[in-house]
Amino acid sequence: MPGAASVLTMDVLDPARVDDAVAGGLGWERQGSELVKVHMGRDFADALSYVNEVGAVAEQAAHHPDIMIQWNTVTLRLSTHSAGGITNLDLDLARRIDALGAGH
């Protein structure tokens, strides 16, 4: 959905609001001013497949996580760098990434 980023607010969210989203079933954790998710794949190829799916979702959202791959482990970090912390853009993208499911 190109342009979706412009619809959501760029205001940094109160940490309590982010913690509520995490406690409410968001498959991420808050680490300071970032949302972090660790995905364990079956092997390196599975980790790359997951990263490609995340990349497609991120491109649609026009918002991108920082991604680190270590063999079968993918670590995603979300923060709206231009705003200086976690915004609704990050929560929205985190939910979209969670919707990919655990098919890896």
PDB file of N, CA and C in Angstrom:
ATOM      1  N   MET A   1       0.835  -1.165   0.000  1.00  0.00           N
ATOM      2  CA  MET A   1       0.000   0.000   0.000  1.00  0.00           C
ATOM      3  C   MET A   1       0.890   1.242   0.000  1.00  0.00           C
ATOM      4  N   PRO A   2       1.369   1.685  -1.154  1.00  0.00           N
ATOM      5  CA  PRO A   2       2.213   2.862  -1.209  1.00  0.00           C
ATOM      6  C   PRO A   2       1.515   4.071  -0.604  1.00  0.00           C
ATOM      7  N   GLY A   3       2.301   4.875   0.077  1.00  0.00           N
ATOM      8  CA  GLY A   3       1.757   6.072   0.683  1.00  0.00           C
ATOM      9  C   GLY A   3       1.126   5.860   2.043  1.00  0.00           C
ATOM     10  N   ALA A   4       1.074   4.602   2.513  1.00  0.00           N
ATOM     11  CA  ALA A   4       0.436   4.329   3.799  1.00  0.00           C
ATOM     12  C   ALA A   4       1.139   5.051   4.933  1.00  0.00           C
ATOM     13  N   ALA A   5       2.448   5.218   4.805  1.00  0.00           N
ATOM     14  CA  ALA A   5       3.205   5.860   5.867  1.00  0.00           C
ATOM     15  C   ALA A   5       2.710   7.281   6.121  1.00  0.00           C
ATOM     16  N   SER A   6       2.261   7.966   5.095  1.00  0.00           N
ATOM     17  CA  SER A   6       1.837   9.341   5.272  1.00  0.00           C
ATOM     18  C   SER A   6       0.512   9.462   6.030  1.00  0.00           C
ATOM     19  N   VAL A   7      -0.261   8.377   6.097  1.00  0.00           N
ATOM     20  CA  VAL A   7      -1.553   8.398   6.776  1.00  0.00           C
ATOM     21  C   VAL A   7      -1.371   8.290   8.291  1.00  0.00           C
ATOM     22  N   LEU A   8      -0.344   7.599   8.728  1.00  0.00           N
ATOM     23  CA  LEU A   8      -0.122   7.370  10.149  1.00  0.00           C
ATOM     24  C   LEU A   8       0.700   8.503  10.750  1.00  0.00           C
ATOM     25  N   THR A   9       0.500   8.734  12.028  1.00  0.00           N
ATOM     26  CA  THR A   9       1.193   9.814  12.727  1.00  0.00           C
ATOM     27  C   THR A   9       2.677   9.500  12.915  1.00  0.00           C
ATOM     28  N   MET A  10       3.485  10.536  12.903  1.00  0.00           N
ATOM     29  CA  MET A  10       4.926  10.393  13.099  1.00  0.00           C
ATOM     30  C   MET A  10       5.338  10.808  14.509  1.00  0.00           C
ATOM     31  N   ASP A  11       4.368  10.975  15.415  1.00  0.00           N
ATOM     32  CA  ASP A  11       4.677  11.353  16.788  1.00  0.00           C
ATOM     33  C   ASP A  11       5.221  10.149  17.542  1.00  0.00           C
ATOM     34  N   VAL A  12       6.274  10.364  18.327  1.00  0.00           N
ATOM     35  CA  VAL A  12       6.824   9.294  19.160  1.00  0.00           C
ATOM     36  C   VAL A  12       5.786   8.929  20.214  1.00  0.00           C
ATOM     37  N   LEU A  13       5.564   7.630  20.368  1.00  0.00           N
ATOM     38  CA  LEU A  13       4.562   7.132  21.315  1.00  0.00           C
ATOM     39  C   LEU A  13       5.133   7.051  22.719  1.00  0.00           C
ATOM     40  N   ASP A  14       4.270   7.246  23.686  1.00  0.00           N
ATOM     41  CA  ASP A  14       4.631   7.064  25.085  1.00  0.00           C
ATOM     42  C   ASP A  14       5.044   5.607  25.284  1.00  0.00           C
ATOM     43  N   PRO A  15       6.143   5.341  26.002  1.00  0.00           N
ATOM     44  CA  PRO A  15       6.581   3.956  26.213  1.00  0.00           C
ATOM     45  C   PRO A  15       5.484   3.057  26.799  1.00  0.00           C
ATOM     46  N   ALA A  16       4.625   3.603  27.649  1.00  0.00           N
ATOM     47  CA  ALA A  16       3.541   2.805  28.240  1.00  0.00           C
ATOM     48  C   ALA A  16       2.582   2.324  27.151  1.00  0.00           C
ATOM     49  N   ARG A  17       2.330   3.153  26.161  1.00  0.00           N
ATOM     50  CA  ARG A  17       1.445   2.753  25.060  1.00  0.00           C
ATOM     51  C   ARG A  17       2.075   1.625  24.255  1.00  0.00           C
ATOM     52  N   VAL A  18       3.368   1.721  24.021  1.00  0.00           N
ATOM     53  CA  VAL A  18       4.073   0.659  23.298  1.00  0.00           C
ATOM     54  C   VAL A  18       4.051  -0.625  24.124  1.00  0.00           C
ATOM     55  N   ASP A  19       4.315  -0.507  25.412  1.00  0.00           N
ATOM     56  CA  ASP A  19       4.286  -1.683  26.294  1.00  0.00           C
ATOM     57  C   ASP A  19       2.906  -2.329  26.298  1.00  0.00           C
ATOM     58  N   ASP A  20       1.842  -1.531  26.257  1.00  0.00           N
ATOM     59  CA  ASP A  20       0.483  -2.070  26.189  1.00  0.00           C
ATOM     60  C   ASP A  20       0.282  -2.863  24.898  1.00  0.00           C
ATOM     61  N   ALA A  21       0.795  -2.348  23.787  1.00  0.00           N
ATOM     62  CA  ALA A  21       0.676  -3.059  22.512  1.00  0.00           C
ATOM     63  C   ALA A  21       1.433  -4.375  22.560  1.00  0.00           C
ATOM     64  N   VAL A  22       2.615  -4.355  23.152  1.00  0.00           N
ATOM     65  CA  VAL A  22       3.404  -5.587  23.276  1.00  0.00           C
ATOM     66  C   VAL A  22       2.674  -6.585  24.174  1.00  0.00           C
ATOM     67  N   ALA A  23       2.164  -6.122  25.298  1.00  0.00           N
ATOM     68  CA  ALA A  23       1.434  -6.993  26.224  1.00  0.00           C
ATOM     69  C   ALA A  23       0.135  -7.503  25.610  1.00  0.00           C
ATOM     70  N   GLY A  24      -0.403  -6.755  24.658  1.00  0.00           N
ATOM     71  CA  GLY A  24      -1.650  -7.128  24.006  1.00  0.00           C
ATOM     72  C   GLY A  24      -1.493  -8.130  22.883  1.00  0.00           C
ATOM     73  N   GLY A  25      -0.328  -8.706  22.740  1.00  0.00           N
ATOM     74  CA  GLY A  25      -0.151  -9.770  21.760  1.00  0.00           C
ATOM     75  C   GLY A  25       0.738  -9.424  20.584  1.00  0.00           C
ATOM     76  N   LEU A  26       1.268  -8.214  20.551  1.00  0.00           N
ATOM     77  CA  LEU A  26       2.227  -7.883  19.504  1.00  0.00           C
ATOM     78  C   LEU A  26       3.442  -8.779  19.714  1.00  0.00           C
ATOM     79  N   GLY A  27       3.882  -9.448  18.674  1.00  0.00           N
ATOM     80  CA  GLY A  27       4.972 -10.416  18.803  1.00  0.00           C
ATOM     81  C   GLY A  27       6.355  -9.792  18.833  1.00  0.00           C
ATOM     82  N   TRP A  28       6.483  -8.663  19.490  1.00  0.00           N
ATOM     83  CA  TRP A  28       7.730  -7.921  19.564  1.00  0.00           C
ATOM     84  C   TRP A  28       7.975  -7.544  21.014  1.00  0.00           C
ATOM     85  N   GLU A  29       9.170  -7.049  21.301  1.00  0.00           N
ATOM     86  CA  GLU A  29       9.427  -6.471  22.620  1.00  0.00           C
ATOM     87  C   GLU A  29       9.998  -5.075  22.421  1.00  0.00           C
ATOM     88  N   ARG A  30       9.760  -4.233  23.406  1.00  0.00           N
ATOM     89  CA  ARG A  30      10.336  -2.895  23.354  1.00  0.00           C
ATOM     90  C   ARG A  30      11.686  -2.933  24.028  1.00  0.00           C
ATOM     91  N   GLN A  31      12.695  -2.459  23.312  1.00  0.00           N
ATOM     92  CA  GLN A  31      14.031  -2.284  23.880  1.00  0.00           C
ATOM     93  C   GLN A  31      14.391  -0.821  23.690  1.00  0.00           C
ATOM     94  N   GLY A  32      14.190  -0.042  24.748  1.00  0.00           N
ATOM     95  CA  GLY A  32      14.450   1.389  24.660  1.00  0.00           C
ATOM     96  C   GLY A  32      13.529   2.040  23.652  1.00  0.00           C
ATOM     97  N   SER A  33      14.105   2.644  22.615  1.00  0.00           N
ATOM     98  CA  SER A  33      13.311   3.347  21.610  1.00  0.00           C
ATOM     99  C   SER A  33      13.116   2.530  20.345  1.00  0.00           C
ATOM    100  N   GLU A  34      13.192   1.197  20.477  1.00  0.00           N
ATOM    101  CA  GLU A  34      12.992   0.313  19.331  1.00  0.00           C
ATOM    102  C   GLU A  34      12.059  -0.841  19.679  1.00  0.00           C
ATOM    103  N   LEU A  35      11.348  -1.332  18.666  1.00  0.00           N
ATOM    104  CA  LEU A  35      10.649  -2.606  18.759  1.00  0.00           C
ATOM    105  C   LEU A  35      11.583  -3.654  18.182  1.00  0.00           C
ATOM    106  N   VAL A  36      11.700  -4.804  18.850  1.00  0.00           N
ATOM    107  CA  VAL A  36      12.631  -5.844  18.416  1.00  0.00           C
ATOM    108  C   VAL A  36      11.903  -7.179  18.329  1.00  0.00           C
ATOM    109  N   LYS A  37      12.170  -7.894  17.237  1.00  0.00           N
ATOM    110  CA  LYS A  37      11.612  -9.229  17.048  1.00  0.00           C
ATOM    111  C   LYS A  37      12.751 -10.141  16.598  1.00  0.00           C
ATOM    112  N   VAL A  38      12.831 -11.323  17.189  1.00  0.00           N
ATOM    113  CA  VAL A  38      13.805 -12.328  16.778  1.00  0.00           C
ATOM    114  C   VAL A  38      13.029 -13.503  16.197  1.00  0.00           C
ATOM    115  N   HIS A  39      13.358 -13.834  14.955  1.00  0.00           N
ATOM    116  CA  HIS A  39      12.702 -14.948  14.261  1.00  0.00           C
ATOM    117  C   HIS A  39      13.737 -16.047  14.037  1.00  0.00           C
ATOM    118  N   MET A  40      13.396 -17.257  14.444  1.00  0.00           N
ATOM    119  CA  MET A  40      14.274 -18.412  14.246  1.00  0.00           C
ATOM    120  C   MET A  40      13.740 -19.238  13.088  1.00  0.00           C
ATOM    121  N   GLY A  41      14.517 -19.348  12.029  1.00  0.00           N
ATOM    122  CA  GLY A  41      14.144 -20.173  10.894  1.00  0.00           C
ATOM    123  C   GLY A  41      14.718 -21.571  11.033  1.00  0.00           C
ATOM    124  N   ARG A  42      14.403 -22.420  10.041  1.00  0.00           N
ATOM    125  CA  ARG A  42      14.930 -23.781  10.058  1.00  0.00           C
ATOM    126  C   ARG A  42      16.414 -23.812   9.700  1.00  0.00           C
ATOM    127  N   ASP A  43      16.812 -22.916   8.787  1.00  0.00           N
ATOM    128  CA  ASP A  43      18.192 -22.862   8.310  1.00  0.00           C
ATOM    129  C   ASP A  43      18.401 -21.504   7.652  1.00  0.00           C
ATOM    130  N   PHE A  44      19.557 -21.312   7.033  1.00  0.00           N
ATOM    131  CA  PHE A  44      19.870 -20.022   6.435  1.00  0.00           C
ATOM    132  C   PHE A  44      18.910 -19.676   5.304  1.00  0.00           C
ATOM    133  N   ALA A  45      18.591 -20.650   4.459  1.00  0.00           N
ATOM    134  CA  ALA A  45      17.664 -20.391   3.347  1.00  0.00           C
ATOM    135  C   ALA A  45      16.296 -19.951   3.867  1.00  0.00           C
ATOM    136  N   ASP A  46      15.833 -20.553   4.935  1.00  0.00           N
ATOM    137  CA  ASP A  46      14.547 -20.184   5.526  1.00  0.00           C
ATOM    138  C   ASP A  46      14.608 -18.762   6.081  1.00  0.00           C
ATOM    139  N   ALA A  47      15.731 -18.415   6.708  1.00  0.00           N
ATOM    140  CA  ALA A  47      15.900 -17.054   7.228  1.00  0.00           C
ATOM    141  C   ALA A  47      15.860 -16.038   6.083  1.00  0.00           C
ATOM    142  N   LEU A  48      16.513 -16.347   4.972  1.00  0.00           N
ATOM    143  CA  LEU A  48      16.494 -15.450   3.816  1.00  0.00           C
ATOM    144  C   LEU A  48      15.092 -15.318   3.235  1.00  0.00           C
ATOM    145  N   SER A  49      14.356 -16.406   3.195  1.00  0.00           N
ATOM    146  CA  SER A  49      12.980 -16.378   2.697  1.00  0.00           C
ATOM    147  C   SER A  49      12.130 -15.442   3.567  1.00  0.00           C
ATOM    148  N   TYR A  50      12.289 -15.565   4.870  1.00  0.00           N
ATOM    149  CA  TYR A  50      11.555 -14.705   5.800  1.00  0.00           C
ATOM    150  C   TYR A  50      11.921 -13.236   5.568  1.00  0.00           C
ATOM    151  N   VAL A  51      13.204 -12.955   5.411  1.00  0.00           N
ATOM    152  CA  VAL A  51      13.648 -11.579   5.176  1.00  0.00           C
ATOM    153  C   VAL A  51      13.034 -11.031   3.891  1.00  0.00           C
ATOM    154  N   ASN A  52      12.949 -11.847   2.860  1.00  0.00           N
ATOM    155  CA  ASN A  52      12.331 -11.396   1.608  1.00  0.00           C
ATOM    156  C   ASN A  52      10.858 -11.061   1.809  1.00  0.00           C
ATOM    157  N   GLU A  53      10.150 -11.867   2.599  1.00  0.00           N
ATOM    158  CA  GLU A  53       8.741 -11.578   2.886  1.00  0.00           C
ATOM    159  C   GLU A  53       8.610 -10.287   3.697  1.00  0.00           C
ATOM    160  N   VAL A  54       9.469 -10.118   4.687  1.00  0.00           N
ATOM    161  CA  VAL A  54       9.468  -8.887   5.481  1.00  0.00           C
ATOM    162  C   VAL A  54       9.766  -7.693   4.574  1.00  0.00           C
ATOM    163  N   GLY A  55      10.717  -7.862   3.671  1.00  0.00           N
ATOM    164  CA  GLY A  55      11.072  -6.786   2.755  1.00  0.00           C
ATOM    165  C   GLY A  55       9.908  -6.356   1.884  1.00  0.00           C
ATOM    166  N   ALA A  56       9.132  -7.315   1.407  1.00  0.00           N
ATOM    167  CA  ALA A  56       7.972  -6.981   0.576  1.00  0.00           C
ATOM    168  C   ALA A  56       6.932  -6.201   1.372  1.00  0.00           C
ATOM    169  N   VAL A  57       6.677  -6.617   2.589  1.00  0.00           N
ATOM    170  CA  VAL A  57       5.720  -5.913   3.455  1.00  0.00           C
ATOM    171  C   VAL A  57       6.238  -4.508   3.768  1.00  0.00           C
ATOM    172  N   ALA A  58       7.527  -4.394   4.049  1.00  0.00           N
ATOM    173  CA  ALA A  58       8.121  -3.095   4.365  1.00  0.00           C
ATOM    174  C   ALA A  58       8.045  -2.149   3.165  1.00  0.00           C
ATOM    175  N   GLU A  59       8.281  -2.656   1.975  1.00  0.00           N
ATOM    176  CA  GLU A  59       8.186  -1.821   0.781  1.00  0.00           C
ATOM    177  C   GLU A  59       6.761  -1.315   0.590  1.00  0.00           C
ATOM    178  N   GLN A  60       5.775  -2.187   0.812  1.00  0.00           N
ATOM    179  CA  GLN A  60       4.369  -1.773   0.707  1.00  0.00           C
ATOM    180  C   GLN A  60       4.055  -0.660   1.696  1.00  0.00           C
ATOM    181  N   ALA A  61       4.629  -0.750   2.882  1.00  0.00           N
ATOM    182  CA  ALA A  61       4.361   0.220   3.940  1.00  0.00           C
ATOM    183  C   ALA A  61       5.224   1.478   3.798  1.00  0.00           C
ATOM    184  N   ALA A  62       6.225   1.428   2.928  1.00  0.00           N
ATOM    185  CA  ALA A  62       7.182   2.528   2.791  1.00  0.00           C
ATOM    186  C   ALA A  62       7.843   2.856   4.129  1.00  0.00           C
ATOM    187  N   HIS A  63       8.128   1.813   4.896  1.00  0.00           N
ATOM    188  CA  HIS A  63       8.778   1.931   6.206  1.00  0.00           C
ATOM    189  C   HIS A  63       9.573   0.649   6.386  1.00  0.00           C
ATOM    190  N   HIS A  64      10.812   0.733   6.854  1.00  0.00           N
ATOM    191  CA  HIS A  64      11.697  -0.420   6.797  1.00  0.00           C
ATOM    192  C   HIS A  64      12.386  -0.698   8.129  1.00  0.00           C
ATOM    193  N   PRO A  65      12.427  -1.975   8.526  1.00  0.00           N
ATOM    194  CA  PRO A  65      13.146  -2.334   9.749  1.00  0.00           C
ATOM    195  C   PRO A  65      14.645  -2.454   9.464  1.00  0.00           C
ATOM    196  N   ASP A  66      15.432  -2.350  10.515  1.00  0.00           N
ATOM    197  CA  ASP A  66      16.830  -2.744  10.433  1.00  0.00           C
ATOM    198  C   ASP A  66      16.827  -4.259  10.570  1.00  0.00           C
ATOM    199  N   ILE A  67      17.592  -4.947   9.730  1.00  0.00           N
ATOM    200  CA  ILE A  67      17.564  -6.407   9.679  1.00  0.00           C
ATOM    201  C   ILE A  67      18.975  -6.953   9.853  1.00  0.00           C
ATOM    202  N   MET A  68      19.111  -7.951  10.742  1.00  0.00           N
ATOM    203  CA  MET A  68      20.374  -8.656  10.916  1.00  0.00           C
ATOM    204  C   MET A  68      20.099 -10.152  10.754  1.00  0.00           C
ATOM    205  N   ILE A  69      20.892 -10.807   9.928  1.00  0.00           N
ATOM    206  CA  ILE A  69      20.756 -12.255   9.719  1.00  0.00           C
ATOM    207  C   ILE A  69      21.998 -12.934  10.273  1.00  0.00           C
ATOM    208  N   GLN A  70      21.771 -13.928  11.113  1.00  0.00           N
ATOM    209  CA  GLN A  70      22.846 -14.767  11.639  1.00  0.00           C
ATOM    210  C   GLN A  70      22.416 -16.217  11.447  1.00  0.00           C
ATOM    211  N   TRP A  71      22.862 -16.833  10.385  1.00  0.00           N
ATOM    212  CA  TRP A  71      22.506 -18.166   9.929  1.00  0.00           C
ATOM    213  C   TRP A  71      20.995 -18.341   9.896  1.00  0.00           C
ATOM    214  N   ASN A  72      20.379 -18.938  10.906  1.00  0.00           N
ATOM    215  CA  ASN A  72      18.923 -19.160  10.872  1.00  0.00           C
ATOM    216  C   ASN A  72      18.155 -18.149  11.725  1.00  0.00           C
ATOM    217  N   THR A  73      18.840 -17.157  12.256  1.00  0.00           N
ATOM    218  CA  THR A  73      18.234 -16.192  13.162  1.00  0.00           C
ATOM    219  C   THR A  73      18.171 -14.813  12.501  1.00  0.00           C
ATOM    220  N   VAL A  74      16.967 -14.256  12.479  1.00  0.00           N
ATOM    221  CA  VAL A  74      16.758 -12.925  11.922  1.00  0.00           C
ATOM    222  C   VAL A  74      16.309 -12.009  13.057  1.00  0.00           C
ATOM    223  N   THR A  75      17.004 -10.904  13.235  1.00  0.00           N
ATOM    224  CA  THR A  75      16.620  -9.910  14.220  1.00  0.00           C
ATOM    225  C   THR A  75      16.145  -8.671  13.478  1.00  0.00           C
ATOM    226  N   LEU A  76      14.916  -8.262  13.788  1.00  0.00           N
ATOM    227  CA  LEU A  76      14.321  -7.067  13.195  1.00  0.00           C
ATOM    228  C   LEU A  76      14.240  -5.985  14.256  1.00  0.00           C
ATOM    229  N   ARG A  77      14.573  -4.761  13.877  1.00  0.00           N
ATOM    230  CA  ARG A  77      14.483  -3.610  14.777  1.00  0.00           C
ATOM    231  C   ARG A  77      13.693  -2.524  14.072  1.00  0.00           C
ATOM    232  N   LEU A  78      12.653  -2.052  14.732  1.00  0.00           N
ATOM    233  CA  LEU A  78      11.799  -1.003  14.183  1.00  0.00           C
ATOM    234  C   LEU A  78      11.869   0.246  15.046  1.00  0.00           C
ATOM    235  N   SER A  79      12.082   1.362  14.407  1.00  0.00           N
ATOM    236  CA  SER A  79      12.054   2.666  15.037  1.00  0.00           C
ATOM    237  C   SER A  79      11.924   3.678  13.917  1.00  0.00           C
ATOM    238  N   THR A  80      11.207   4.742  14.171  1.00  0.00           N
ATOM    239  CA  THR A  80      11.114   5.807  13.179  1.00  0.00           C
ATOM    240  C   THR A  80      12.262   6.768  13.471  1.00  0.00           C
ATOM    241  N   HIS A  81      13.371   6.546  12.786  1.00  0.00           N
ATOM    242  CA  HIS A  81      14.588   7.302  13.070  1.00  0.00           C
ATOM    243  C   HIS A  81      14.368   8.812  12.949  1.00  0.00           C
ATOM    244  N   SER A  82      13.593   9.229  11.952  1.00  0.00           N
ATOM    245  CA  SER A  82      13.369  10.663  11.747  1.00  0.00           C
ATOM    246  C   SER A  82      12.580  11.300  12.892  1.00  0.00           C
ATOM    247  N   ALA A  83      11.810  10.481  13.626  1.00  0.00           N
ATOM    248  CA  ALA A  83      11.038  10.997  14.761  1.00  0.00           C
ATOM    249  C   ALA A  83      11.776  10.792  16.082  1.00  0.00           C
ATOM    250  N   GLY A  84      12.764   9.896  16.089  1.00  0.00           N
ATOM    251  CA  GLY A  84      13.537   9.658  17.301  1.00  0.00           C
ATOM    252  C   GLY A  84      12.959   8.618  18.228  1.00  0.00           C
ATOM    253  N   GLY A  85      12.137   7.704  17.718  1.00  0.00           N
ATOM    254  CA  GLY A  85      11.591   6.656  18.579  1.00  0.00           C
ATOM    255  C   GLY A  85      10.506   5.865  17.885  1.00  0.00           C
ATOM    256  N   ILE A  86       9.706   5.182  18.673  1.00  0.00           N
ATOM    257  CA  ILE A  86       8.642   4.315  18.173  1.00  0.00           C
ATOM    258  C   ILE A  86       7.395   5.150  17.903  1.00  0.00           C
ATOM    259  N   THR A  87       6.862   5.012  16.683  1.00  0.00           N
ATOM    260  CA  THR A  87       5.647   5.719  16.285  1.00  0.00           C
ATOM    261  C   THR A  87       4.601   4.706  15.844  1.00  0.00           C
ATOM    262  N   ASN A  88       3.440   5.210  15.478  1.00  0.00           N
ATOM    263  CA  ASN A  88       2.402   4.323  14.940  1.00  0.00           C
ATOM    264  C   ASN A  88       2.863   3.616  13.677  1.00  0.00           C
ATOM    265  N   LEU A  89       3.777   4.213  12.918  1.00  0.00           N
ATOM    266  CA  LEU A  89       4.335   3.542  11.735  1.00  0.00           C
ATOM    267  C   LEU A  89       4.966   2.214  12.132  1.00  0.00           C
ATOM    268  N   ASP A  90       5.678   2.225  13.243  1.00  0.00           N
ATOM    269  CA  ASP A  90       6.359   1.019  13.707  1.00  0.00           C
ATOM    270  C   ASP A  90       5.375  -0.031  14.192  1.00  0.00           C
ATOM    271  N   LEU A  91       4.369   0.394  14.973  1.00  0.00           N
ATOM    272  CA  LEU A  91       3.358  -0.562  15.437  1.00  0.00           C
ATOM    273  C   LEU A  91       2.611  -1.173  14.266  1.00  0.00           C
ATOM    274  N   ASP A  92       2.276  -0.360  13.278  1.00  0.00           N
ATOM    275  CA  ASP A  92       1.562  -0.859  12.107  1.00  0.00           C
ATOM    276  C   ASP A  92       2.416  -1.871  11.342  1.00  0.00           C
ATOM    277  N   LEU A  93       3.674  -1.540  11.096  1.00  0.00           N
ATOM    278  CA  LEU A  93       4.540  -2.466  10.364  1.00  0.00           C
ATOM    279  C   LEU A  93       4.783  -3.738  11.175  1.00  0.00           C
ATOM    280  N   ALA A  94       4.942  -3.619  12.483  1.00  0.00           N
ATOM    281  CA  ALA A  94       5.123  -4.800  13.328  1.00  0.00           C
ATOM    282  C   ALA A  94       3.926  -5.746  13.192  1.00  0.00           C
ATOM    283  N   ARG A  95       2.721  -5.195  13.185  1.00  0.00           N
ATOM    284  CA  ARG A  95       1.520  -6.026  13.033  1.00  0.00           C
ATOM    285  C   ARG A  95       1.489  -6.693  11.654  1.00  0.00           C
ATOM    286  N   ARG A  96       1.885  -5.963  10.623  1.00  0.00           N
ATOM    287  CA  ARG A  96       1.922  -6.533   9.275  1.00  0.00           C
ATOM    288  C   ARG A  96       2.936  -7.675   9.178  1.00  0.00           C
ATOM    289  N   ILE A  97       4.077  -7.474   9.813  1.00  0.00           N
ATOM    290  CA  ILE A  97       5.090  -8.533   9.810  1.00  0.00           C
ATOM    291  C   ILE A  97       4.592  -9.734  10.606  1.00  0.00           C
ATOM    292  N   ASP A  98       3.950  -9.501  11.746  1.00  0.00           N
ATOM    293  CA  ASP A  98       3.391 -10.611  12.530  1.00  0.00           C
ATOM    294  C   ASP A  98       2.373 -11.403  11.711  1.00  0.00           C
ATOM    295  N   ALA A  99       1.647 -10.729  10.830  1.00  0.00           N
ATOM    296  CA  ALA A  99       0.616 -11.391  10.016  1.00  0.00           C
ATOM    297  C   ALA A  99       1.220 -12.360   9.001  1.00  0.00           C
ATOM    298  N   LEU A 100       2.529 -12.293   8.790  1.00  0.00           N
ATOM    299  CA  LEU A 100       3.180 -13.251   7.877  1.00  0.00           C
ATOM    300  C   LEU A 100       3.058 -14.667   8.412  1.00  0.00           C
ATOM    301  N   GLY A 101       2.906 -14.792   9.719  1.00  0.00           N
ATOM    302  CA  GLY A 101       2.735 -16.103  10.326  1.00  0.00           C
ATOM    303  C   GLY A 101       4.059 -16.797  10.586  1.00  0.00           C
ATOM    304  N   ALA A 102       3.950 -17.992  11.072  1.00  0.00           N
ATOM    305  CA  ALA A 102       5.126 -18.776  11.438  1.00  0.00           C
ATOM    306  C   ALA A 102       5.375 -19.891  10.435  1.00  0.00           C
ATOM    307  N   GLY A 103       5.189 -19.621   9.161  1.00  0.00           N
ATOM    308  CA  GLY A 103       5.366 -20.645   8.139  1.00  0.00           C
ATOM    309  C   GLY A 103       6.807 -20.957   7.808  1.00  0.00           C
ATOM    310  N   HIS A 104       7.730 -20.508   8.633  1.00  0.00           N
ATOM    311  CA  HIS A 104       9.149 -20.752   8.356  1.00  0.00           C
ATOM    312  C   HIS A 104       9.722 -21.694   9.372  1.00  0.00           C
TER     313      HIS A 104
END
